[in-house]
Amino acid sequence: MKDKYLNKYRIASTRLKNWDYGGNGAYFITIGTKNRVHYFGEIADGEMGLSEIGNR
């Protein structure tokens, strides 16, 4: 894969080297959307207000 993007867009992994990510656990994920559209809801006054899609 290094040659696919000529190593241009690769960043160092932020994963812990000795952690089994295949096991059960709580994980935080970030999803970036085109034009930063808030598909799942918005945060107002420190509370997450879910959209219809976010409630599914």
C-alpha atoms as a PDB file:
ATOM      1  CA  MET A   1       0.000   0.000   0.000  1.00  0.00           C
ATOM      2  CA  LYS A   2       2.981   2.301   0.441  1.00  0.00           C
ATOM      3  CA  ASP A   3       3.289   2.710  -3.304  1.00  0.00           C
ATOM      4  CA  LYS A   4      -0.456   3.307  -3.828  1.00  0.00           C
ATOM      5  CA  TYR A   5      -0.336   6.913  -2.611  1.00  0.00           C
ATOM      6  CA  LEU A   6       3.427   7.212  -2.839  1.00  0.00           C
ATOM      7  CA  ASN A   7       3.477   7.381   0.969  1.00  0.00           C
ATOM      8  CA  LYS A   8       1.903  10.852   0.687  1.00  0.00           C
ATOM      9  CA  TYR A   9      -1.203  10.420   2.854  1.00  0.00           C
ATOM     10  CA  ARG A  10       0.067   7.922   5.416  1.00  0.00           C
ATOM     11  CA  ILE A  11       0.197   8.940   9.052  1.00  0.00           C
ATOM     12  CA  ALA A  12       1.632   7.087  12.004  1.00  0.00           C
ATOM     13  CA  SER A  13      -0.794   4.666  13.630  1.00  0.00           C
ATOM     14  CA  THR A  14      -2.364   5.793  16.907  1.00  0.00           C
ATOM     15  CA  ARG A  15      -3.218   2.205  17.884  1.00  0.00           C
ATOM     16  CA  LEU A  16      -1.610   0.696  20.970  1.00  0.00           C
ATOM     17  CA  LYS A  17       0.947  -1.895  19.887  1.00  0.00           C
ATOM     18  CA  ASN A  18       0.090  -4.467  22.574  1.00  0.00           C
ATOM     19  CA  TRP A  19      -3.724  -4.134  22.559  1.00  0.00           C
ATOM     20  CA  ASP A  20      -6.052  -6.714  21.009  1.00  0.00           C
ATOM     21  CA  TYR A  21      -8.582  -4.591  19.112  1.00  0.00           C
ATOM     22  CA  GLY A  22     -10.529  -7.752  18.211  1.00  0.00           C
ATOM     23  CA  GLY A  23     -11.822  -8.090  21.776  1.00  0.00           C
ATOM     24  CA  ASN A  24     -14.862  -6.521  23.396  1.00  0.00           C
ATOM     25  CA  GLY A  25     -14.454  -2.988  24.683  1.00  0.00           C
ATOM     26  CA  ALA A  26     -15.656   0.588  24.431  1.00  0.00           C
ATOM     27  CA  TYR A  27     -14.173   2.449  21.497  1.00  0.00           C
ATOM     28  CA  PHE A  28     -14.408   6.088  20.422  1.00  0.00           C
ATOM     29  CA  ILE A  29     -14.616   6.660  16.688  1.00  0.00           C
ATOM     30  CA  THR A  30     -14.642   9.790  14.590  1.00  0.00           C
ATOM     31  CA  ILE A  31     -16.501   9.923  11.298  1.00  0.00           C
ATOM     32  CA  GLY A  32     -15.641  12.723   8.903  1.00  0.00           C
ATOM     33  CA  THR A  33     -18.328  13.694   6.391  1.00  0.00           C
ATOM     34  CA  LYS A  34     -18.188  15.697   3.203  1.00  0.00           C
ATOM     35  CA  ASN A  35     -18.593  19.413   3.959  1.00  0.00           C
ATOM     36  CA  ARG A  36     -18.789  18.517   7.682  1.00  0.00           C
ATOM     37  CA  VAL A  37     -22.519  17.787   7.452  1.00  0.00           C
ATOM     38  CA  HIS A  38     -23.924  16.728  10.855  1.00  0.00           C
ATOM     39  CA  TYR A  39     -25.812  13.587   9.806  1.00  0.00           C
ATOM     40  CA  PHE A  40     -26.141  12.073  13.275  1.00  0.00           C
ATOM     41  CA  GLY A  41     -27.105  15.184  15.230  1.00  0.00           C
ATOM     42  CA  GLU A  42     -25.498  18.219  16.838  1.00  0.00           C
ATOM     43  CA  ILE A  43     -24.109  19.188  20.217  1.00  0.00           C
ATOM     44  CA  ALA A  44     -25.854  22.122  21.926  1.00  0.00           C
ATOM     45  CA  ASP A  45     -25.162  23.270  25.510  1.00  0.00           C
ATOM     46  CA  GLY A  46     -22.944  20.216  26.064  1.00  0.00           C
ATOM     47  CA  GLU A  47     -25.727  17.765  25.113  1.00  0.00           C
ATOM     48  CA  MET A  48     -25.896  15.603  22.020  1.00  0.00           C
ATOM     49  CA  GLY A  49     -29.159  16.068  20.140  1.00  0.00           C
ATOM     50  CA  LEU A  50     -29.589  13.123  17.791  1.00  0.00           C
ATOM     51  CA  SER A  51     -31.114  13.488  14.348  1.00  0.00           C
ATOM     52  CA  GLU A  52     -33.500  10.902  12.910  1.00  0.00           C
ATOM     53  CA  ILE A  53     -30.511   9.051  11.438  1.00  0.00           C
ATOM     54  CA  GLY A  54     -28.651   9.286  14.761  1.00  0.00           C
ATOM     55  CA  ASN A  55     -31.545   7.642  16.593  1.00  0.00           C
ATOM     56  CA  ARG A  56     -31.437   4.468  14.481  1.00  0.00           C
END
